[in-house]
PDB file of N, CA and C in Angstrom:
ATOM      1  N   MET A   1      85.595 183.171 115.254  1.00  0.00           N
ATOM      2  CA  MET A   1      86.081 181.801 115.187  1.00  0.00           C
ATOM      3  C   MET A   1      87.494 181.756 115.743  1.00  0.00           C
ATOM      4  N   LYS A   2      87.732 180.757 116.505  1.00  0.00           N
ATOM      5  CA  LYS A   2      89.062 180.562 117.079  1.00  0.00           C
ATOM      6  C   LYS A   2      89.945 179.813 116.089  1.00  0.00           C
ATOM      7  N   PHE A   3      91.221 179.816 116.341  1.00  0.00           N
ATOM      8  CA  PHE A   3      92.166 179.190 115.431  1.00  0.00           C
ATOM      9  C   PHE A   3      92.102 177.659 115.468  1.00  0.00           C
ATOM     10  N   GLY A   4      91.611 177.076 116.560  1.00  0.00           N
ATOM     11  CA  GLY A   4      91.546 175.621 116.681  1.00  0.00           C
ATOM     12  C   GLY A   4      90.753 174.955 115.571  1.00  0.00           C
ATOM     13  N   ALA A   5      89.623 175.552 115.187  1.00  0.00           N
ATOM     14  CA  ALA A   5      88.799 174.978 114.114  1.00  0.00           C
ATOM     15  C   ALA A   5      89.543 174.996 112.790  1.00  0.00           C
ATOM     16  N   ILE A   6      90.320 176.031 112.571  1.00  0.00           N
ATOM     17  CA  ILE A   6      91.110 176.120 111.340  1.00  0.00           C
ATOM     18  C   ILE A   6      92.214 175.070 111.360  1.00  0.00           C
ATOM     19  N   MET A   7      92.848 174.900 112.507  1.00  0.00           N
ATOM     20  CA  MET A   7      93.888 173.884 112.633  1.00  0.00           C
ATOM     21  C   MET A   7      93.308 172.495 112.356  1.00  0.00           C
ATOM     22  N   ARG A   8      92.130 172.228 112.890  1.00  0.00           N
ATOM     23  CA  ARG A   8      91.495 170.931 112.677  1.00  0.00           C
ATOM     24  C   ARG A   8      91.171 170.728 111.195  1.00  0.00           C
ATOM     25  N   ALA A   9      90.615 171.758 110.559  1.00  0.00           N
ATOM     26  CA  ALA A   9      90.272 171.646 109.138  1.00  0.00           C
ATOM     27  C   ALA A   9      91.506 171.362 108.293  1.00  0.00           C
ATOM     28  N   CYS A  10      92.613 172.015 108.618  1.00  0.00           N
ATOM     29  CA  CYS A  10      93.857 171.775 107.878  1.00  0.00           C
ATOM     30  C   CYS A  10      94.353 170.351 108.091  1.00  0.00           C
ATOM     31  N   ARG A  11      94.268 169.879 109.331  1.00  0.00           N
ATOM     32  CA  ARG A  11      94.704 168.506 109.630  1.00  0.00           C
ATOM     33  C   ARG A  11      93.842 167.497 108.877  1.00  0.00           C
ATOM     34  N   GLU A  12      92.535 167.702 108.917  1.00  0.00           N
ATOM     35  CA  GLU A  12      91.632 166.772 108.241  1.00  0.00           C
ATOM     36  C   GLU A  12      91.815 166.825 106.731  1.00  0.00           C
ATOM     37  N   ARG A  13      92.017 168.026 106.187  1.00  0.00           N
ATOM     38  CA  ARG A  13      92.250 168.163 104.748  1.00  0.00           C
ATOM     39  C   ARG A  13      93.500 167.397 104.336  1.00  0.00           C
ATOM     40  N   ALA A  14      94.494 167.363 105.215  1.00  0.00           N
ATOM     41  CA  ALA A  14      95.736 166.640 104.936  1.00  0.00           C
ATOM     42  C   ALA A  14      95.581 165.135 105.146  1.00  0.00           C
ATOM     43  N   GLY A  15      94.427 164.716 105.664  1.00  0.00           N
ATOM     44  CA  GLY A  15      94.169 163.294 105.858  1.00  0.00           C
ATOM     45  C   GLY A  15      94.873 162.708 107.070  1.00  0.00           C
ATOM     46  N   LEU A  16      95.149 163.544 108.053  1.00  0.00           N
ATOM     47  CA  LEU A  16      95.863 163.083 109.248  1.00  0.00           C
ATOM     48  C   LEU A  16      94.912 162.942 110.431  1.00  0.00           C
ATOM     49  N   SER A  17      95.119 161.902 111.216  1.00  0.00           N
ATOM     50  CA  SER A  17      94.385 161.752 112.472  1.00  0.00           C
ATOM     51  C   SER A  17      95.079 162.605 113.526  1.00  0.00           C
ATOM     52  N   GLN A  18      94.429 162.785 114.654  1.00  0.00           N
ATOM     53  CA  GLN A  18      95.075 163.507 115.749  1.00  0.00           C
ATOM     54  C   GLN A  18      96.336 162.784 116.202  1.00  0.00           C
ATOM     55  N   GLU A  19      96.302 161.462 116.212  1.00  0.00           N
ATOM     56  CA  GLU A  19      97.464 160.688 116.622  1.00  0.00           C
ATOM     57  C   GLU A  19      98.633 160.887 115.656  1.00  0.00           C
ATOM     58  N   GLU A  20      98.333 160.901 114.354  1.00  0.00           N
ATOM     59  CA  GLU A  20      99.389 161.110 113.360  1.00  0.00           C
ATOM     60  C   GLU A  20      99.978 162.514 113.478  1.00  0.00           C
ATOM     61  N   MET A  21      99.105 163.485 113.692  1.00  0.00           N
ATOM     62  CA  MET A  21      99.574 164.854 113.854  1.00  0.00           C
ATOM     63  C   MET A  21     100.457 164.969 115.088  1.00  0.00           C
ATOM     64  N   ALA A  22     100.037 164.326 116.155  1.00  0.00           N
ATOM     65  CA  ALA A  22     100.821 164.338 117.394  1.00  0.00           C
ATOM     66  C   ALA A  22     102.221 163.776 117.146  1.00  0.00           C
ATOM     67  N   ALA A  23     102.311 162.710 116.384  1.00  0.00           N
ATOM     68  CA  ALA A  23     103.610 162.107 116.086  1.00  0.00           C
ATOM     69  C   ALA A  23     104.490 163.066 115.280  1.00  0.00           C
ATOM     70  N   HIS A  24     103.897 163.740 114.304  1.00  0.00           N
ATOM     71  CA  HIS A  24     104.657 164.700 113.495  1.00  0.00           C
ATOM     72  C   HIS A  24     105.190 165.852 114.334  1.00  0.00           C
ATOM     73  N   LEU A  25     104.411 166.294 115.314  1.00  0.00           N
ATOM     74  CA  LEU A  25     104.780 167.462 116.109  1.00  0.00           C
ATOM     75  C   LEU A  25     105.447 167.112 117.437  1.00  0.00           C
ATOM     76  N   HIS A  26     105.634 165.810 117.689  1.00  0.00           N
ATOM     77  CA  HIS A  26     106.230 165.343 118.947  1.00  0.00           C
ATOM     78  C   HIS A  26     105.418 165.824 120.153  1.00  0.00           C
ATOM     79  N   ARG A  27     104.110 165.670 120.028  1.00  0.00           N
ATOM     80  CA  ARG A  27     103.174 166.029 121.089  1.00  0.00           C
ATOM     81  C   ARG A  27     102.296 164.810 121.368  1.00  0.00           C
ATOM     82  N   THR A  28     101.399 164.931 122.326  1.00  0.00           N
ATOM     83  CA  THR A  28     100.444 163.863 122.601  1.00  0.00           C
ATOM     84  C   THR A  28      99.154 164.124 121.833  1.00  0.00           C
ATOM     85  N   GLN A  29      98.360 163.066 121.676  1.00  0.00           N
ATOM     86  CA  GLN A  29      97.047 163.233 121.039  1.00  0.00           C
ATOM     87  C   GLN A  29      96.194 164.176 121.862  1.00  0.00           C
ATOM     88  N   SER A  30      96.331 164.117 123.165  1.00  0.00           N
ATOM     89  CA  SER A  30      95.582 165.003 124.059  1.00  0.00           C
ATOM     90  C   SER A  30      95.932 166.466 123.802  1.00  0.00           C
ATOM     91  N   CYS A  31      97.196 166.740 123.578  1.00  0.00           N
ATOM     92  CA  CYS A  31      97.636 168.102 123.281  1.00  0.00           C
ATOM     93  C   CYS A  31      97.010 168.596 121.977  1.00  0.00           C
ATOM     94  N   ILE A  32      96.990 167.739 120.958  1.00  0.00           N
ATOM     95  CA  ILE A  32      96.403 168.102 119.666  1.00  0.00           C
ATOM     96  C   ILE A  32      94.917 168.400 119.847  1.00  0.00           C
ATOM     97  N   SER A  33      94.240 167.567 120.603  1.00  0.00           N
ATOM     98  CA  SER A  33      92.819 167.777 120.869  1.00  0.00           C
ATOM     99  C   SER A  33      92.580 169.118 121.568  1.00  0.00           C
ATOM    100  N   LYS A  34      93.393 169.434 122.550  1.00  0.00           N
ATOM    101  CA  LYS A  34      93.242 170.703 123.278  1.00  0.00           C
ATOM    102  C   LYS A  34      93.474 171.898 122.359  1.00  0.00           C
ATOM    103  N   LEU A  35      94.440 171.786 121.463  1.00  0.00           N
ATOM    104  CA  LEU A  35      94.693 172.870 120.513  1.00  0.00           C
ATOM    105  C   LEU A  35      93.492 173.067 119.586  1.00  0.00           C
ATOM    106  N   GLU A  36      92.943 171.974 119.086  1.00  0.00           N
ATOM    107  CA  GLU A  36      91.820 172.063 118.153  1.00  0.00           C
ATOM    108  C   GLU A  36      90.531 172.540 118.820  1.00  0.00           C
ATOM    109  N   GLN A  37      90.428 172.338 120.111  1.00  0.00           N
ATOM    110  CA  GLN A  37      89.233 172.773 120.838  1.00  0.00           C
ATOM    111  C   GLN A  37      89.430 174.138 121.500  1.00  0.00           C
ATOM    112  N   ASP A  38      90.550 174.777 121.208  1.00  0.00           N
ATOM    113  CA  ASP A  38      90.885 176.081 121.776  1.00  0.00           C
ATOM    114  C   ASP A  38      90.982 176.058 123.295  1.00  0.00           C
ATOM    115  N   HIS A  39      91.332 174.900 123.854  1.00  0.00           N
ATOM    116  CA  HIS A  39      91.583 174.799 125.291  1.00  0.00           C
ATOM    117  C   HIS A  39      93.046 175.092 125.601  1.00  0.00           C
ATOM    118  N   LYS A  40      93.842 175.163 124.542  1.00  0.00           N
ATOM    119  CA  LYS A  40      95.262 175.459 124.657  1.00  0.00           C
ATOM    120  C   LYS A  40      95.629 176.345 123.474  1.00  0.00           C
ATOM    121  N   VAL A  41      96.416 177.372 123.721  1.00  0.00           N
ATOM    122  CA  VAL A  41      96.810 178.305 122.661  1.00  0.00           C
ATOM    123  C   VAL A  41      98.152 177.864 122.084  1.00  0.00           C
ATOM    124  N   PRO A  42      98.213 177.678 120.761  1.00  0.00           N
ATOM    125  CA  PRO A  42      99.486 177.251 120.164  1.00  0.00           C
ATOM    126  C   PRO A  42     100.492 178.394 120.138  1.00  0.00           C
ATOM    127  N   ASP A  43     101.753 178.060 120.345  1.00  0.00           N
ATOM    128  CA  ASP A  43     102.790 179.066 120.169  1.00  0.00           C
ATOM    129  C   ASP A  43     103.142 179.135 118.682  1.00  0.00           C
ATOM    130  N   MET A  44     103.897 180.138 118.308  1.00  0.00           N
ATOM    131  CA  MET A  44     104.203 180.336 116.890  1.00  0.00           C
ATOM    132  C   MET A  44     104.958 179.158 116.274  1.00  0.00           C
ATOM    133  N   PRO A  45     105.975 178.585 116.935  1.00  0.00           N
ATOM    134  CA  PRO A  45     106.643 177.428 116.318  1.00  0.00           C
ATOM    135  C   PRO A  45     105.689 176.247 116.090  1.00  0.00           C
ATOM    136  N   THR A  46     104.759 176.027 117.007  1.00  0.00           N
ATOM    137  CA  THR A  46     103.791 174.940 116.840  1.00  0.00           C
ATOM    138  C   THR A  46     102.865 175.230 115.664  1.00  0.00           C
ATOM    139  N   MET A  47     102.380 176.470 115.568  1.00  0.00           N
ATOM    140  CA  MET A  47     101.497 176.826 114.447  1.00  0.00           C
ATOM    141  C   MET A  47     102.225 176.663 113.121  1.00  0.00           C
ATOM    142  N   MET A  48     103.472 177.109 113.068  1.00  0.00           N
ATOM    143  CA  MET A  48     104.227 177.012 111.824  1.00  0.00           C
ATOM    144  C   MET A  48     104.466 175.549 111.445  1.00  0.00           C
ATOM    145  N   ALA A  49     104.820 174.722 112.434  1.00  0.00           N
ATOM    146  CA  ALA A  49     105.038 173.301 112.162  1.00  0.00           C
ATOM    147  C   ALA A  49     103.745 172.643 111.702  1.00  0.00           C
ATOM    148  N   TRP A  50     102.631 172.995 112.347  1.00  0.00           N
ATOM    149  CA  TRP A  50     101.321 172.436 111.987  1.00  0.00           C
ATOM    150  C   TRP A  50     101.016 172.723 110.524  1.00  0.00           C
ATOM    151  N   MET A  51     101.229 173.966 110.116  1.00  0.00           N
ATOM    152  CA  MET A  51     100.912 174.356 108.745  1.00  0.00           C
ATOM    153  C   MET A  51     101.869 173.730 107.734  1.00  0.00           C
ATOM    154  N   GLU A  52     103.109 173.523 108.140  1.00  0.00           N
ATOM    155  CA  GLU A  52     104.062 172.834 107.267  1.00  0.00           C
ATOM    156  C   GLU A  52     103.642 171.377 107.058  1.00  0.00           C
ATOM    157  N   VAL A  53     103.305 170.706 108.150  1.00  0.00           N
ATOM    158  CA  VAL A  53     102.920 169.293 108.086  1.00  0.00           C
ATOM    159  C   VAL A  53     101.661 169.110 107.239  1.00  0.00           C
ATOM    160  N   THR A  54     100.733 170.048 107.350  1.00  0.00           N
ATOM    161  CA  THR A  54      99.464 169.920 106.631  1.00  0.00           C
ATOM    162  C   THR A  54      99.492 170.572 105.258  1.00  0.00           C
ATOM    163  N   GLY A  55     100.597 171.220 104.914  1.00  0.00           N
ATOM    164  CA  GLY A  55     100.696 171.874 103.613  1.00  0.00           C
ATOM    165  C   GLY A  55      99.774 173.073 103.492  1.00  0.00           C
ATOM    166  N   ALA A  56      99.591 173.796 104.585  1.00  0.00           N
ATOM    167  CA  ALA A  56      98.621 174.896 104.606  1.00  0.00           C
ATOM    168  C   ALA A  56      99.254 176.211 105.050  1.00  0.00           C
ATOM    169  N   ARG A  57     100.433 176.493 104.546  1.00  0.00           N
ATOM    170  CA  ARG A  57     101.097 177.745 104.933  1.00  0.00           C
ATOM    171  C   ARG A  57     100.255 178.964 104.593  1.00  0.00           C
ATOM    172  N   GLU A  58      99.521 178.888 103.471  1.00  0.00           N
ATOM    173  CA  GLU A  58      98.706 180.035 103.058  1.00  0.00           C
ATOM    174  C   GLU A  58      97.599 180.338 104.069  1.00  0.00           C
ATOM    175  N   VAL A  59      97.149 179.316 104.780  1.00  0.00           N
ATOM    176  CA  VAL A  59      96.109 179.509 105.792  1.00  0.00           C
ATOM    177  C   VAL A  59      96.657 180.330 106.954  1.00  0.00           C
ATOM    178  N   LEU A  60      97.853 179.999 107.401  1.00  0.00           N
ATOM    179  CA  LEU A  60      98.477 180.751 108.502  1.00  0.00           C
ATOM    180  C   LEU A  60      98.707 182.198 108.085  1.00  0.00           C
ATOM    181  N   ILE A  61      99.186 182.404 106.877  1.00  0.00           N
ATOM    182  CA  ILE A  61      99.438 183.765 106.393  1.00  0.00           C
ATOM    183  C   ILE A  61      98.135 184.553 106.353  1.00  0.00           C
ATOM    184  N   ALA A  62      97.077 183.959 105.823  1.00  0.00           N
ATOM    185  CA  ALA A  62      95.777 184.636 105.764  1.00  0.00           C
ATOM    186  C   ALA A  62      95.287 184.992 107.162  1.00  0.00           C
ATOM    187  N   PHE A  63      95.430 184.068 108.096  1.00  0.00           N
ATOM    188  CA  PHE A  63      94.983 184.309 109.465  1.00  0.00           C
ATOM    189  C   PHE A  63      95.789 185.434 110.108  1.00  0.00           C
ATOM    190  N   LEU A  64      97.101 185.396 109.937  1.00  0.00           N
ATOM    191  CA  LEU A  64      97.963 186.415 110.537  1.00  0.00           C
ATOM    192  C   LEU A  64      97.740 187.794 109.926  1.00  0.00           C
ATOM    193  N   TYR A  65      97.314 187.832 108.670  1.00  0.00           N
ATOM    194  CA  TYR A  65      97.032 189.106 108.022  1.00  0.00           C
ATOM    195  C   TYR A  65      95.625 189.608 108.301  1.00  0.00           C
ATOM    196  N   GLY A  66      94.901 188.896 109.153  1.00  0.00           N
ATOM    197  CA  GLY A  66      93.609 189.397 109.600  1.00  0.00           C
ATOM    198  C   GLY A  66      92.396 188.865 108.878  1.00  0.00           C
ATOM    199  N   MET A  67      92.572 187.912 107.988  1.00  0.00           N
ATOM    200  CA  MET A  67      91.412 187.318 107.329  1.00  0.00           C
ATOM    201  C   MET A  67      90.603 186.566 108.380  1.00  0.00           C
ATOM    202  N   ASP A  68      89.302 186.748 108.376  1.00  0.00           N
ATOM    203  CA  ASP A  68      88.492 186.104 109.408  1.00  0.00           C
ATOM    204  C   ASP A  68      88.410 184.595 109.181  1.00  0.00           C
ATOM    205  N   GLY A  69      88.172 183.884 110.253  1.00  0.00           N
ATOM    206  CA  GLY A  69      88.150 182.420 110.226  1.00  0.00           C
ATOM    207  C   GLY A  69      87.132 181.847 109.277  1.00  0.00           C
ATOM    208  N   LEU A  70      85.960 182.459 109.170  1.00  0.00           N
ATOM    209  CA  LEU A  70      84.920 181.948 108.275  1.00  0.00           C
ATOM    210  C   LEU A  70      85.381 182.011 106.824  1.00  0.00           C
ATOM    211  N   SER A  71      86.021 183.103 106.439  1.00  0.00           N
ATOM    212  CA  SER A  71      86.531 183.225 105.067  1.00  0.00           C
ATOM    213  C   SER A  71      87.600 182.188 104.784  1.00  0.00           C
ATOM    214  N   ILE A  72      88.454 181.953 105.757  1.00  0.00           N
ATOM    215  CA  ILE A  72      89.500 180.938 105.583  1.00  0.00           C
ATOM    216  C   ILE A  72      88.866 179.567 105.393  1.00  0.00           C
ATOM    217  N   MET A  73      87.883 179.233 106.225  1.00  0.00           N
ATOM    218  CA  MET A  73      87.221 177.927 106.118  1.00  0.00           C
ATOM    219  C   MET A  73      86.526 177.782 104.764  1.00  0.00           C
ATOM    220  N   GLN A  74      85.863 178.827 104.304  1.00  0.00           N
ATOM    221  CA  GLN A  74      85.194 178.768 103.007  1.00  0.00           C
ATOM    222  C   GLN A  74      86.207 178.571 101.887  1.00  0.00           C
ATOM    223  N   SER A  75      87.337 179.232 101.982  1.00  0.00           N
ATOM    224  CA  SER A  75      88.378 179.064 100.970  1.00  0.00           C
ATOM    225  C   SER A  75      88.925 177.643 100.980  1.00  0.00           C
ATOM    226  N   LEU A  76      89.131 177.086 102.165  1.00  0.00           N
ATOM    227  CA  LEU A  76      89.602 175.702 102.256  1.00  0.00           C
ATOM    228  C   LEU A  76      88.613 174.747 101.591  1.00  0.00           C
ATOM    229  N   LEU A  77      87.339 174.959 101.833  1.00  0.00           N
ATOM    230  CA  LEU A  77      86.324 174.077 101.272  1.00  0.00           C
ATOM    231  C   LEU A  77      86.237 174.215  99.750  1.00  0.00           C
ATOM    232  N   GLN A  78      86.351 175.430  99.235  1.00  0.00           N
ATOM    233  CA  GLN A  78      86.273 175.646  97.782  1.00  0.00           C
ATOM    234  C   GLN A  78      87.471 175.047  97.076  1.00  0.00           C
ATOM    235  N   VAL A  79      88.640 175.302  97.580  1.00  0.00           N
ATOM    236  CA  VAL A  79      89.867 174.844  96.928  1.00  0.00           C
ATOM    237  C   VAL A  79      89.976 173.329  96.939  1.00  0.00           C
ATOM    238  N   PHE A  80      89.513 172.712  98.022  1.00  0.00           N
ATOM    239  CA  PHE A  80      89.715 171.272  98.169  1.00  0.00           C
ATOM    240  C   PHE A  80      88.429 170.481  98.040  1.00  0.00           C
ATOM    241  N   GLY A  81      87.437 171.064  97.397  1.00  0.00           N
ATOM    242  CA  GLY A  81      86.233 170.319  97.031  1.00  0.00           C
ATOM    243  C   GLY A  81      85.388 169.827  98.178  1.00  0.00           C
ATOM    244  N   GLY A  82      85.370 170.528  99.286  1.00  0.00           N
ATOM    245  CA  GLY A  82      84.596 170.077 100.438  1.00  0.00           C
ATOM    246  C   GLY A  82      83.250 170.533 100.452  1.00  0.00           C
TER     247      GLY A  82
END
């Protein structure tokens, strides 16, 4: 699993649209879409800002420590009742 799906899940869990996320990160909606579809690779400052905005710092830490994407997604769904 690529990181884009995790980024999207975090954004949706936070209740943000792509447009709202773009405004928070000073990017375009198109840029957010490309990141979520893995057509563009986020740099570390963008990933950190994304996780701060969505309140999902633990997701970034888990990903960076090698936890696979499926486990992260399952944890997101369990914790937040999805």
